[in-house]
Amino acid sequence: MSIAPNELKKALGAGLLSFPVTPFGQDGLFNRAVYEKHVGWLAGFDATVLFAAGGTGEFFNLEPSEIPEIVTAAKASAGSTPIVAGCGYGTRMAVSIAKAAEKAGADGILLLPHYLMDASQEGLYQHIKTVCQSIEIGVMVYNRDNSILTAETLERLCEACPNLVGFKDGSGDIGLVRKITAKMGDRLTYLGGMPTAELFADAYLGAGVTTYSSAVFNFVPGLAQDFYKALRAGDTATTNKILIDFFYPFMDIRNRQKGYAVSAIKAGVRLMGFDVGPVRAPLTDLTAEEVKMMEALCEPYRNAAPKMQAAE
């Protein structure tokens, strides 16, 4: 049974969040058994919400008909951890995906940017309002790329849509984010959504964004939690050390090719013993040389994490 939107809002603001990758088998189809094993492992590391079929889960590479099974599998293996489903494309398709996710047991949806074209603020308002009003579960909007909301449009949406509970930003526009957090206060929970969010966490925290979705949580969940706890405690010595030892080298690998923000995460999950398969086209997997770079980066954290070794 899905939780109420306000309960989801509390969960979103209670700690670190993450987006499990979507595993594919040799036949190219969703590998439910591996997914349930991986999500069950992640649920043991205190993520307060997990996002099924999100950006790191290759939402853009999934057929809409695949999303309900992914949501069902996540719910079956995550214990009491709330599950939010990815949602997107044009308004009619987004409504269809949102309703199917709700029926499958999702506790909320993350509404990703609509497909391809830019839209006016009125168009974005009507799009998001229509999706919100088509379901009863909680909704988060993802402010990124061709779907950038002004503070005024977001305020209108909050008035029209009681189940709009979260605002995730991937624009990097700290000035806009700060205006939104100042204007909307505790009406919403605010989530950082830049690729490799830890690299921007200090700046977003200063703008009133107290949590974020960690992609690396997929394969080094203990390290991701250590960074988040140090960030919230103001322990800059620890966050700086983790940035230098792990995140900046990871960024160097991620930046070698477009799309590696997902591909490098999936490579890391494979290194932890989960047979999640390749990414789907148009993404490409890391080269053999780059996989070796990932192995060298991950090895110290594998040795330091008994839970990871037990999961292999």
C-alpha atoms as a PDB file:
ATOM      1  CA  MET A   1       0.000   0.000   0.000  1.00  0.00           C
ATOM      2  CA  SER A   2       1.318   3.444  -0.924  1.00  0.00           C
ATOM      3  CA  ILE A   3       2.068   6.024   1.735  1.00  0.00           C
ATOM      4  CA  ALA A   4       0.359   9.424   1.820  1.00  0.00           C
ATOM      5  CA  PRO A   5       2.042  12.353   0.032  1.00  0.00           C
ATOM      6  CA  ASN A   6       2.919  14.108   3.296  1.00  0.00           C
ATOM      7  CA  GLU A   7       4.563  10.935   4.606  1.00  0.00           C
ATOM      8  CA  LEU A   8       6.581  10.711   1.410  1.00  0.00           C
ATOM      9  CA  LYS A   9       7.591  14.341   1.828  1.00  0.00           C
ATOM     10  CA  LYS A  10       8.935  13.561   5.310  1.00  0.00           C
ATOM     11  CA  ALA A  11      10.823  10.521   4.031  1.00  0.00           C
ATOM     12  CA  LEU A  12      12.401  12.530   1.214  1.00  0.00           C
ATOM     13  CA  GLY A  13      13.799  15.022   3.710  1.00  0.00           C
ATOM     14  CA  ALA A  14      14.919  12.476   6.283  1.00  0.00           C
ATOM     15  CA  GLY A  15      18.193  11.351   4.726  1.00  0.00           C
ATOM     16  CA  LEU A  16      20.087  10.277   1.644  1.00  0.00           C
ATOM     17  CA  LEU A  17      18.241   9.130  -1.503  1.00  0.00           C
ATOM     18  CA  SER A  18      19.302   6.953  -4.414  1.00  0.00           C
ATOM     19  CA  PHE A  19      18.346   5.629  -7.864  1.00  0.00           C
ATOM     20  CA  PRO A  20      19.041   1.915  -8.364  1.00  0.00           C
ATOM     21  CA  VAL A  21      20.265   0.946 -11.823  1.00  0.00           C
ATOM     22  CA  THR A  22      17.975  -1.229 -13.950  1.00  0.00           C
ATOM     23  CA  PRO A  23      19.612  -4.605 -14.760  1.00  0.00           C
ATOM     24  CA  PHE A  24      19.191  -6.263 -18.135  1.00  0.00           C
ATOM     25  CA  GLY A  25      19.780  -9.920 -18.916  1.00  0.00           C
ATOM     26  CA  GLN A  26      21.474 -11.511 -21.927  1.00  0.00           C
ATOM     27  CA  ASP A  27      18.152 -11.266 -23.747  1.00  0.00           C
ATOM     28  CA  GLY A  28      18.155  -7.510 -23.212  1.00  0.00           C
ATOM     29  CA  LEU A  29      15.077  -7.628 -20.974  1.00  0.00           C
ATOM     30  CA  PHE A  30      14.615  -6.480 -17.376  1.00  0.00           C
ATOM     31  CA  ASN A  31      16.348  -8.902 -14.995  1.00  0.00           C
ATOM     32  CA  ARG A  32      14.022  -8.928 -11.997  1.00  0.00           C
ATOM     33  CA  ALA A  33      15.992 -11.395  -9.876  1.00  0.00           C
ATOM     34  CA  VAL A  34      19.183  -9.325  -9.974  1.00  0.00           C
ATOM     35  CA  TYR A  35      17.226  -6.114  -9.406  1.00  0.00           C
ATOM     36  CA  GLU A  36      15.534  -7.461  -6.279  1.00  0.00           C
ATOM     37  CA  LYS A  37      18.873  -8.682  -4.910  1.00  0.00           C
ATOM     38  CA  HIS A  38      20.523  -5.304  -5.547  1.00  0.00           C
ATOM     39  CA  VAL A  39      17.638  -3.203  -4.188  1.00  0.00           C
ATOM     40  CA  GLY A  40      17.429  -5.416  -1.106  1.00  0.00           C
ATOM     41  CA  TRP A  41      21.137  -4.847  -0.479  1.00  0.00           C
ATOM     42  CA  LEU A  42      20.794  -1.082  -0.901  1.00  0.00           C
ATOM     43  CA  ALA A  43      17.801  -0.960   1.442  1.00  0.00           C
ATOM     44  CA  GLY A  44      20.114  -2.122   4.238  1.00  0.00           C
ATOM     45  CA  PHE A  45      22.161   1.087   4.060  1.00  0.00           C
ATOM     46  CA  ASP A  46      19.519   3.513   5.314  1.00  0.00           C
ATOM     47  CA  ALA A  47      18.476   5.270   2.119  1.00  0.00           C
ATOM     48  CA  THR A  48      15.226   6.976   3.090  1.00  0.00           C
ATOM     49  CA  VAL A  49      13.697   6.711  -0.423  1.00  0.00           C
ATOM     50  CA  LEU A  50      14.699   4.708  -3.503  1.00  0.00           C
ATOM     51  CA  PHE A  51      13.729   5.748  -7.027  1.00  0.00           C
ATOM     52  CA  ALA A  52      12.785   2.916  -9.383  1.00  0.00           C
ATOM     53  CA  ALA A  53      13.242   3.471 -13.128  1.00  0.00           C
ATOM     54  CA  GLY A  54      14.745   6.900 -12.536  1.00  0.00           C
ATOM     55  CA  GLY A  55      17.484   8.636 -14.488  1.00  0.00           C
ATOM     56  CA  THR A  56      20.274   6.351 -13.266  1.00  0.00           C
ATOM     57  CA  GLY A  57      17.827   3.492 -13.820  1.00  0.00           C
ATOM     58  CA  GLU A  58      17.683   4.418 -17.538  1.00  0.00           C
ATOM     59  CA  PHE A  59      14.099   5.671 -17.543  1.00  0.00           C
ATOM     60  CA  PHE A  60      14.773   7.154 -20.983  1.00  0.00           C
ATOM     61  CA  ASN A  61      15.727   3.676 -22.264  1.00  0.00           C
ATOM     62  CA  LEU A  62      12.702   1.837 -20.875  1.00  0.00           C
ATOM     63  CA  GLU A  63       9.447   1.080 -22.566  1.00  0.00           C
ATOM     64  CA  PRO A  64       6.561   2.512 -20.523  1.00  0.00           C
ATOM     65  CA  SER A  65       5.168  -1.007 -20.182  1.00  0.00           C
ATOM     66  CA  GLU A  66       8.339  -2.088 -18.324  1.00  0.00           C
ATOM     67  CA  ILE A  67       7.989   0.467 -15.540  1.00  0.00           C
ATOM     68  CA  PRO A  68       5.183  -1.184 -13.490  1.00  0.00           C
ATOM     69  CA  GLU A  69       7.141  -4.451 -13.138  1.00  0.00           C
ATOM     70  CA  ILE A  70      10.242  -2.537 -12.058  1.00  0.00           C
ATOM     71  CA  VAL A  71       8.186  -0.686  -9.448  1.00  0.00           C
ATOM     72  CA  THR A  72       6.622  -3.939  -8.227  1.00  0.00           C
ATOM     73  CA  ALA A  73      10.051  -5.565  -7.936  1.00  0.00           C
ATOM     74  CA  ALA A  74      11.422  -2.592  -6.005  1.00  0.00           C
ATOM     75  CA  LYS A  75       8.479  -2.654  -3.587  1.00  0.00           C
ATOM     76  CA  ALA A  76       8.937  -6.403  -3.080  1.00  0.00           C
ATOM     77  CA  SER A  77      12.596  -6.109  -2.125  1.00  0.00           C
ATOM     78  CA  ALA A  78      12.981  -2.711  -0.406  1.00  0.00           C
ATOM     79  CA  GLY A  79      11.195  -3.567   2.842  1.00  0.00           C
ATOM     80  CA  SER A  80       9.709  -0.423   4.369  1.00  0.00           C
ATOM     81  CA  THR A  81      11.748   1.961   2.191  1.00  0.00           C
ATOM     82  CA  PRO A  82       9.384   4.086   0.057  1.00  0.00           C
ATOM     83  CA  ILE A  83       9.663   3.671  -3.711  1.00  0.00           C
ATOM     84  CA  VAL A  84       9.266   6.534  -6.171  1.00  0.00           C
ATOM     85  CA  ALA A  85       8.836   5.777  -9.879  1.00  0.00           C
ATOM     86  CA  GLY A  86      10.264   7.696 -12.794  1.00  0.00           C
ATOM     87  CA  CYS A  87       7.724   9.405 -15.047  1.00  0.00           C
ATOM     88  CA  GLY A  88       8.011  11.649 -18.067  1.00  0.00           C
ATOM     89  CA  TYR A  89       7.577  12.380 -21.800  1.00  0.00           C
ATOM     90  CA  GLY A  90       4.551  14.345 -23.069  1.00  0.00           C
ATOM     91  CA  THR A  91       1.534  14.994 -20.884  1.00  0.00           C
ATOM     92  CA  ARG A  92      -0.691  12.157 -22.115  1.00  0.00           C
ATOM     93  CA  MET A  93       2.105   9.592 -21.874  1.00  0.00           C
ATOM     94  CA  ALA A  94       3.208  10.937 -18.485  1.00  0.00           C
ATOM     95  CA  VAL A  95      -0.332  10.588 -17.120  1.00  0.00           C
ATOM     96  CA  SER A  96      -0.452   6.998 -18.368  1.00  0.00           C
ATOM     97  CA  ILE A  97       2.910   6.165 -16.764  1.00  0.00           C
ATOM     98  CA  ALA A  98       1.946   7.885 -13.500  1.00  0.00           C
ATOM     99  CA  LYS A  99      -1.317   5.949 -13.229  1.00  0.00           C
ATOM    100  CA  ALA A 100       0.410   2.648 -14.007  1.00  0.00           C
ATOM    101  CA  ALA A 101       3.105   3.338 -11.393  1.00  0.00           C
ATOM    102  CA  GLU A 102       0.467   4.194  -8.800  1.00  0.00           C
ATOM    103  CA  LYS A 103      -1.403   0.965  -9.582  1.00  0.00           C
ATOM    104  CA  ALA A 104       1.861  -0.989  -9.243  1.00  0.00           C
ATOM    105  CA  GLY A 105       2.299   0.342  -5.698  1.00  0.00           C
ATOM    106  CA  ALA A 106       4.648   3.302  -6.124  1.00  0.00           C
ATOM    107  CA  ASP A 107       4.649   5.739  -3.220  1.00  0.00           C
ATOM    108  CA  GLY A 108       5.229   8.665  -5.554  1.00  0.00           C
ATOM    109  CA  ILE A 109       6.563   9.724  -8.927  1.00  0.00           C
ATOM    110  CA  LEU A 110       9.472  11.853 -10.047  1.00  0.00           C
ATOM    111  CA  LEU A 111       8.318  13.844 -13.062  1.00  0.00           C
ATOM    112  CA  LEU A 112      11.315  14.150 -15.356  1.00  0.00           C
ATOM    113  CA  PRO A 113      11.511  16.809 -18.092  1.00  0.00           C
ATOM    114  CA  HIS A 114       9.115  16.322 -20.974  1.00  0.00           C
ATOM    115  CA  TYR A 115      10.472  15.172 -24.305  1.00  0.00           C
ATOM    116  CA  LEU A 116      12.584  17.323 -26.676  1.00  0.00           C
ATOM    117  CA  MET A 117      10.804  20.673 -27.054  1.00  0.00           C
ATOM    118  CA  ASP A 118      11.038  23.759 -24.886  1.00  0.00           C
ATOM    119  CA  ALA A 119       7.783  24.974 -23.380  1.00  0.00           C
ATOM    120  CA  SER A 120       6.431  28.186 -21.906  1.00  0.00           C
ATOM    121  CA  GLN A 121       5.888  28.573 -18.183  1.00  0.00           C
ATOM    122  CA  GLU A 122       2.143  28.224 -18.793  1.00  0.00           C
ATOM    123  CA  GLY A 123       2.755  25.032 -20.744  1.00  0.00           C
ATOM    124  CA  LEU A 124       4.910  23.606 -17.952  1.00  0.00           C
ATOM    125  CA  TYR A 125       2.277  24.593 -15.417  1.00  0.00           C
ATOM    126  CA  GLN A 126      -0.500  22.813 -17.318  1.00  0.00           C
ATOM    127  CA  HIS A 127       1.676  19.742 -17.924  1.00  0.00           C
ATOM    128  CA  ILE A 128       2.693  19.275 -14.305  1.00  0.00           C
ATOM    129  CA  LYS A 129      -0.758  20.117 -12.939  1.00  0.00           C
ATOM    130  CA  THR A 130      -2.407  17.582 -15.233  1.00  0.00           C
ATOM    131  CA  VAL A 131      -0.026  14.815 -14.121  1.00  0.00           C
ATOM    132  CA  CYS A 132      -0.384  15.700 -10.429  1.00  0.00           C
ATOM    133  CA  GLN A 133      -4.172  15.724 -10.622  1.00  0.00           C
ATOM    134  CA  SER A 134      -4.277  12.355 -12.398  1.00  0.00           C
ATOM    135  CA  ILE A 135      -2.976  10.479  -9.313  1.00  0.00           C
ATOM    136  CA  GLU A 136      -3.228  10.584  -5.537  1.00  0.00           C
ATOM    137  CA  ILE A 137       0.375   9.678  -4.652  1.00  0.00           C
ATOM    138  CA  GLY A 138       3.086  12.274  -4.103  1.00  0.00           C
ATOM    139  CA  VAL A 139       4.873  14.015  -6.965  1.00  0.00           C
ATOM    140  CA  MET A 140       8.339  15.544  -7.272  1.00  0.00           C
ATOM    141  CA  VAL A 141       9.248  17.764 -10.210  1.00  0.00           C
ATOM    142  CA  TYR A 142      12.733  17.636 -11.730  1.00  0.00           C
ATOM    143  CA  ASN A 143      13.975  21.102 -12.669  1.00  0.00           C
ATOM    144  CA  ARG A 144      16.430  20.438 -15.483  1.00  0.00           C
ATOM    145  CA  ASP A 145      17.235  20.979 -19.163  1.00  0.00           C
ATOM    146  CA  ASN A 146      14.066  22.037 -21.037  1.00  0.00           C
ATOM    147  CA  SER A 147      11.846  22.043 -17.928  1.00  0.00           C
ATOM    148  CA  ILE A 148      13.013  24.942 -15.789  1.00  0.00           C
ATOM    149  CA  LEU A 149      10.311  26.356 -13.544  1.00  0.00           C
ATOM    150  CA  THR A 150      10.350  29.883 -12.187  1.00  0.00           C
ATOM    151  CA  ALA A 151       9.594  30.389  -8.518  1.00  0.00           C
ATOM    152  CA  GLU A 152       6.274  31.944  -9.497  1.00  0.00           C
ATOM    153  CA  THR A 153       5.191  28.961 -11.602  1.00  0.00           C
ATOM    154  CA  LEU A 154       6.192  26.561  -8.838  1.00  0.00           C
ATOM    155  CA  GLU A 155       4.165  28.588  -6.359  1.00  0.00           C
ATOM    156  CA  ARG A 156       1.092  28.304  -8.599  1.00  0.00           C
ATOM    157  CA  LEU A 157       1.608  24.552  -8.848  1.00  0.00           C
ATOM    158  CA  CYS A 158       1.845  24.218  -5.076  1.00  0.00           C
ATOM    159  CA  GLU A 159      -1.469  26.002  -4.725  1.00  0.00           C
ATOM    160  CA  ALA A 160      -3.178  23.832  -7.362  1.00  0.00           C
ATOM    161  CA  CYS A 161      -1.617  20.464  -6.456  1.00  0.00           C
ATOM    162  CA  PRO A 162      -1.621  19.379  -2.798  1.00  0.00           C
ATOM    163  CA  ASN A 163       0.227  16.166  -3.723  1.00  0.00           C
ATOM    164  CA  LEU A 164       3.194  18.083  -5.159  1.00  0.00           C
ATOM    165  CA  VAL A 165       5.671  17.465  -2.331  1.00  0.00           C
ATOM    166  CA  GLY A 166       9.155  17.757  -3.784  1.00  0.00           C
ATOM    167  CA  PHE A 167      11.385  19.892  -5.993  1.00  0.00           C
ATOM    168  CA  LYS A 168      14.555  18.367  -7.417  1.00  0.00           C
ATOM    169  CA  ASP A 169      17.057  20.630  -9.126  1.00  0.00           C
ATOM    170  CA  GLY A 170      19.530  19.590 -11.781  1.00  0.00           C
ATOM    171  CA  SER A 171      19.995  23.010 -13.349  1.00  0.00           C
ATOM    172  CA  GLY A 172      22.919  24.192 -11.241  1.00  0.00           C
ATOM    173  CA  ASP A 173      21.309  27.639 -11.022  1.00  0.00           C
ATOM    174  CA  ILE A 174      21.894  28.252  -7.318  1.00  0.00           C
ATOM    175  CA  GLY A 175      20.335  31.716  -7.486  1.00  0.00           C
ATOM    176  CA  LEU A 176      17.056  30.276  -8.769  1.00  0.00           C
ATOM    177  CA  VAL A 177      17.160  27.449  -6.245  1.00  0.00           C
ATOM    178  CA  ARG A 178      17.707  29.862  -3.367  1.00  0.00           C
ATOM    179  CA  LYS A 179      14.810  32.035  -4.526  1.00  0.00           C
ATOM    180  CA  ILE A 180      12.571  28.961  -4.605  1.00  0.00           C
ATOM    181  CA  THR A 181      13.597  27.707  -1.163  1.00  0.00           C
ATOM    182  CA  ALA A 182      13.148  31.199   0.289  1.00  0.00           C
ATOM    183  CA  LYS A 183       9.768  31.701  -1.360  1.00  0.00           C
ATOM    184  CA  MET A 184       8.286  28.239  -0.790  1.00  0.00           C
ATOM    185  CA  GLY A 185       9.817  27.455   2.616  1.00  0.00           C
ATOM    186  CA  ASP A 186       8.714  24.129   4.061  1.00  0.00           C
ATOM    187  CA  ARG A 187       5.889  23.655   1.545  1.00  0.00           C
ATOM    188  CA  LEU A 188       8.230  21.331  -0.390  1.00  0.00           C
ATOM    189  CA  THR A 189      11.172  19.045   0.251  1.00  0.00           C
ATOM    190  CA  TYR A 190      14.182  20.132  -1.814  1.00  0.00           C
ATOM    191  CA  LEU A 191      16.496  17.629  -3.488  1.00  0.00           C
ATOM    192  CA  GLY A 192      19.827  18.121  -5.225  1.00  0.00           C
ATOM    193  CA  GLY A 193      19.824  16.479  -8.641  1.00  0.00           C
ATOM    194  CA  MET A 194      23.062  17.337 -10.405  1.00  0.00           C
ATOM    195  CA  PRO A 195      24.974  14.391 -11.909  1.00  0.00           C
ATOM    196  CA  THR A 196      27.258  13.046  -9.153  1.00  0.00           C
ATOM    197  CA  ALA A 197      25.398  15.216  -6.667  1.00  0.00           C
ATOM    198  CA  GLU A 198      28.109  15.033  -3.993  1.00  0.00           C
ATOM    199  CA  LEU A 199      30.274  17.342  -6.102  1.00  0.00           C
ATOM    200  CA  PHE A 200      27.690  20.102  -5.620  1.00  0.00           C
ATOM    201  CA  ALA A 201      26.315  19.200  -2.199  1.00  0.00           C
ATOM    202  CA  ASP A 202      28.000  22.016  -0.257  1.00  0.00           C
ATOM    203  CA  ALA A 203      26.673  24.703  -2.597  1.00  0.00           C
ATOM    204  CA  TYR A 204      23.159  23.247  -2.598  1.00  0.00           C
ATOM    205  CA  LEU A 205      23.143  22.903   1.197  1.00  0.00           C
ATOM    206  CA  GLY A 206      23.892  26.605   1.419  1.00  0.00           C
ATOM    207  CA  ALA A 207      20.875  27.264  -0.804  1.00  0.00           C
ATOM    208  CA  GLY A 208      18.546  25.338   1.508  1.00  0.00           C
ATOM    209  CA  VAL A 209      18.689  21.925  -0.208  1.00  0.00           C
ATOM    210  CA  THR A 210      19.280  19.452   2.595  1.00  0.00           C
ATOM    211  CA  THR A 211      19.350  16.171   0.681  1.00  0.00           C
ATOM    212  CA  TYR A 212      20.128  14.746  -2.739  1.00  0.00           C
ATOM    213  CA  SER A 213      20.044  11.560  -4.777  1.00  0.00           C
ATOM    214  CA  SER A 214      23.365   9.727  -4.766  1.00  0.00           C
ATOM    215  CA  ALA A 215      24.140   7.661  -7.867  1.00  0.00           C
ATOM    216  CA  VAL A 216      27.298   6.145  -6.358  1.00  0.00           C
ATOM    217  CA  PHE A 217      25.136   4.765  -3.531  1.00  0.00           C
ATOM    218  CA  ASN A 218      24.462   2.015  -6.082  1.00  0.00           C
ATOM    219  CA  PHE A 219      27.903   0.501  -5.518  1.00  0.00           C
ATOM    220  CA  VAL A 220      29.562   2.238  -2.538  1.00  0.00           C
ATOM    221  CA  PRO A 221      26.559   2.876  -0.278  1.00  0.00           C
ATOM    222  CA  GLY A 222      28.621   2.982   2.891  1.00  0.00           C
ATOM    223  CA  LEU A 223      30.894   5.658   1.471  1.00  0.00           C
ATOM    224  CA  ALA A 224      27.905   7.634   0.172  1.00  0.00           C
ATOM    225  CA  GLN A 225      26.370   7.582   3.649  1.00  0.00           C
ATOM    226  CA  ASP A 226      29.670   8.621   5.262  1.00  0.00           C
ATOM    227  CA  PHE A 227      29.847  11.626   2.939  1.00  0.00           C
ATOM    228  CA  TYR A 228      26.237  12.612   3.566  1.00  0.00           C
ATOM    229  CA  LYS A 229      26.586  12.370   7.358  1.00  0.00           C
ATOM    230  CA  ALA A 230      29.787  14.422   7.309  1.00  0.00           C
ATOM    231  CA  LEU A 231      28.128  17.028   5.075  1.00  0.00           C
ATOM    232  CA  ARG A 232      25.178  17.442   7.426  1.00  0.00           C
ATOM    233  CA  ALA A 233      27.503  17.590  10.429  1.00  0.00           C
ATOM    234  CA  GLY A 234      29.626  20.325   8.861  1.00  0.00           C
ATOM    235  CA  ASP A 235      32.658  18.032   8.883  1.00  0.00           C
ATOM    236  CA  THR A 236      34.493  19.548   5.924  1.00  0.00           C
ATOM    237  CA  ALA A 237      37.716  17.675   6.669  1.00  0.00           C
ATOM    238  CA  THR A 238      35.911  14.389   5.992  1.00  0.00           C
ATOM    239  CA  THR A 239      33.953  15.609   2.964  1.00  0.00           C
ATOM    240  CA  ASN A 240      37.112  17.087   1.440  1.00  0.00           C
ATOM    241  CA  LYS A 241      39.002  13.834   1.929  1.00  0.00           C
ATOM    242  CA  ILE A 242      36.240  11.765   0.315  1.00  0.00           C
ATOM    243  CA  LEU A 243      35.990  14.226  -2.569  1.00  0.00           C
ATOM    244  CA  ILE A 244      39.731  14.009  -3.224  1.00  0.00           C
ATOM    245  CA  ASP A 245      40.068  10.252  -2.679  1.00  0.00           C
ATOM    246  CA  PHE A 246      36.960   9.129  -4.535  1.00  0.00           C
ATOM    247  CA  PHE A 247      34.642  11.649  -6.151  1.00  0.00           C
ATOM    248  CA  TYR A 248      37.121  13.675  -8.192  1.00  0.00           C
ATOM    249  CA  PRO A 249      38.787  10.538  -9.619  1.00  0.00           C
ATOM    250  CA  PHE A 250      35.321   9.159 -10.337  1.00  0.00           C
ATOM    251  CA  MET A 251      34.424  12.433 -12.073  1.00  0.00           C
ATOM    252  CA  ASP A 252      37.477  12.023 -14.311  1.00  0.00           C
ATOM    253  CA  ILE A 253      36.196   8.614 -15.433  1.00  0.00           C
ATOM    254  CA  ARG A 254      32.604   9.842 -15.794  1.00  0.00           C
ATOM    255  CA  ASN A 255      33.680  12.750 -17.983  1.00  0.00           C
ATOM    256  CA  ARG A 256      35.535  10.610 -20.531  1.00  0.00           C
ATOM    257  CA  GLN A 257      32.369  10.049 -22.583  1.00  0.00           C
ATOM    258  CA  LYS A 258      28.849  11.432 -22.702  1.00  0.00           C
ATOM    259  CA  GLY A 259      26.406   9.148 -20.920  1.00  0.00           C
ATOM    260  CA  TYR A 260      29.002   7.805 -18.502  1.00  0.00           C
ATOM    261  CA  ALA A 261      27.084   9.351 -15.590  1.00  0.00           C
ATOM    262  CA  VAL A 262      24.964   6.202 -15.948  1.00  0.00           C
ATOM    263  CA  SER A 263      27.431   3.788 -17.563  1.00  0.00           C
ATOM    264  CA  ALA A 264      30.117   4.281 -14.890  1.00  0.00           C
ATOM    265  CA  ILE A 265      27.566   3.633 -12.142  1.00  0.00           C
ATOM    266  CA  LYS A 266      26.477   0.395 -13.792  1.00  0.00           C
ATOM    267  CA  ALA A 267      30.127  -0.633 -14.127  1.00  0.00           C
ATOM    268  CA  GLY A 268      30.594  -0.017 -10.407  1.00  0.00           C
ATOM    269  CA  VAL A 269      27.573  -2.161  -9.553  1.00  0.00           C
ATOM    270  CA  ARG A 270      28.952  -5.004 -11.671  1.00  0.00           C
ATOM    271  CA  LEU A 271      32.261  -4.733  -9.809  1.00  0.00           C
ATOM    272  CA  MET A 272      30.353  -5.268  -6.566  1.00  0.00           C
ATOM    273  CA  GLY A 273      29.113  -8.634  -7.790  1.00  0.00           C
ATOM    274  CA  PHE A 274      25.689  -7.792  -9.210  1.00  0.00           C
ATOM    275  CA  ASP A 275      25.202  -8.970 -12.789  1.00  0.00           C
ATOM    276  CA  VAL A 276      23.246  -5.938 -13.953  1.00  0.00           C
ATOM    277  CA  GLY A 277      24.243  -6.319 -17.581  1.00  0.00           C
ATOM    278  CA  PRO A 278      25.064  -3.537 -20.045  1.00  0.00           C
ATOM    279  CA  VAL A 279      23.459  -0.175 -20.567  1.00  0.00           C
ATOM    280  CA  ARG A 280      20.957   0.089 -23.395  1.00  0.00           C
ATOM    281  CA  ALA A 281      21.703   2.062 -26.562  1.00  0.00           C
ATOM    282  CA  PRO A 282      22.194   4.904 -27.200  1.00  0.00           C
ATOM    283  CA  LEU A 283      24.406   4.726 -24.091  1.00  0.00           C
ATOM    284  CA  THR A 284      27.703   2.859 -24.306  1.00  0.00           C
ATOM    285  CA  ASP A 285      29.550   0.870 -21.664  1.00  0.00           C
ATOM    286  CA  LEU A 286      33.003   1.683 -20.341  1.00  0.00           C
ATOM    287  CA  THR A 287      36.013   0.365 -22.221  1.00  0.00           C
ATOM    288  CA  ALA A 288      38.216  -2.359 -20.716  1.00  0.00           C
ATOM    289  CA  GLU A 289      40.759   0.294 -19.769  1.00  0.00           C
ATOM    290  CA  GLU A 290      38.104   2.377 -18.020  1.00  0.00           C
ATOM    291  CA  VAL A 291      36.759  -0.659 -16.149  1.00  0.00           C
ATOM    292  CA  LYS A 292      40.272  -1.187 -14.771  1.00  0.00           C
ATOM    293  CA  MET A 293      40.262   2.440 -13.639  1.00  0.00           C
ATOM    294  CA  MET A 294      36.979   1.787 -11.837  1.00  0.00           C
ATOM    295  CA  GLU A 295      38.402  -1.372 -10.251  1.00  0.00           C
ATOM    296  CA  ALA A 296      41.346   0.588  -8.842  1.00  0.00           C
ATOM    297  CA  LEU A 297      39.026   3.289  -7.536  1.00  0.00           C
ATOM    298  CA  CYS A 298      36.598   0.877  -5.886  1.00  0.00           C
ATOM    299  CA  GLU A 299      39.027  -1.642  -4.392  1.00  0.00           C
ATOM    300  CA  PRO A 300      39.740   0.230  -1.115  1.00  0.00           C
ATOM    301  CA  TYR A 301      36.041   0.629  -0.431  1.00  0.00           C
ATOM    302  CA  ARG A 302      35.225  -2.988  -1.208  1.00  0.00           C
ATOM    303  CA  ASN A 303      37.804  -4.113   1.324  1.00  0.00           C
ATOM    304  CA  ALA A 304      36.440  -1.710   3.925  1.00  0.00           C
ATOM    305  CA  ALA A 305      32.819  -2.787   3.533  1.00  0.00           C
ATOM    306  CA  PRO A 306      31.958  -6.265   4.832  1.00  0.00           C
ATOM    307  CA  LYS A 307      28.352  -5.909   3.665  1.00  0.00           C
ATOM    308  CA  MET A 308      29.560  -5.419   0.115  1.00  0.00           C
ATOM    309  CA  GLN A 309      31.726  -8.528   0.256  1.00  0.00           C
ATOM    310  CA  ALA A 310      28.869 -10.542   1.677  1.00  0.00           C
ATOM    311  CA  ALA A 311      26.675  -9.508  -1.223  1.00  0.00           C
ATOM    312  CA  GLU A 312      29.054 -10.811  -3.886  1.00  0.00           C
END
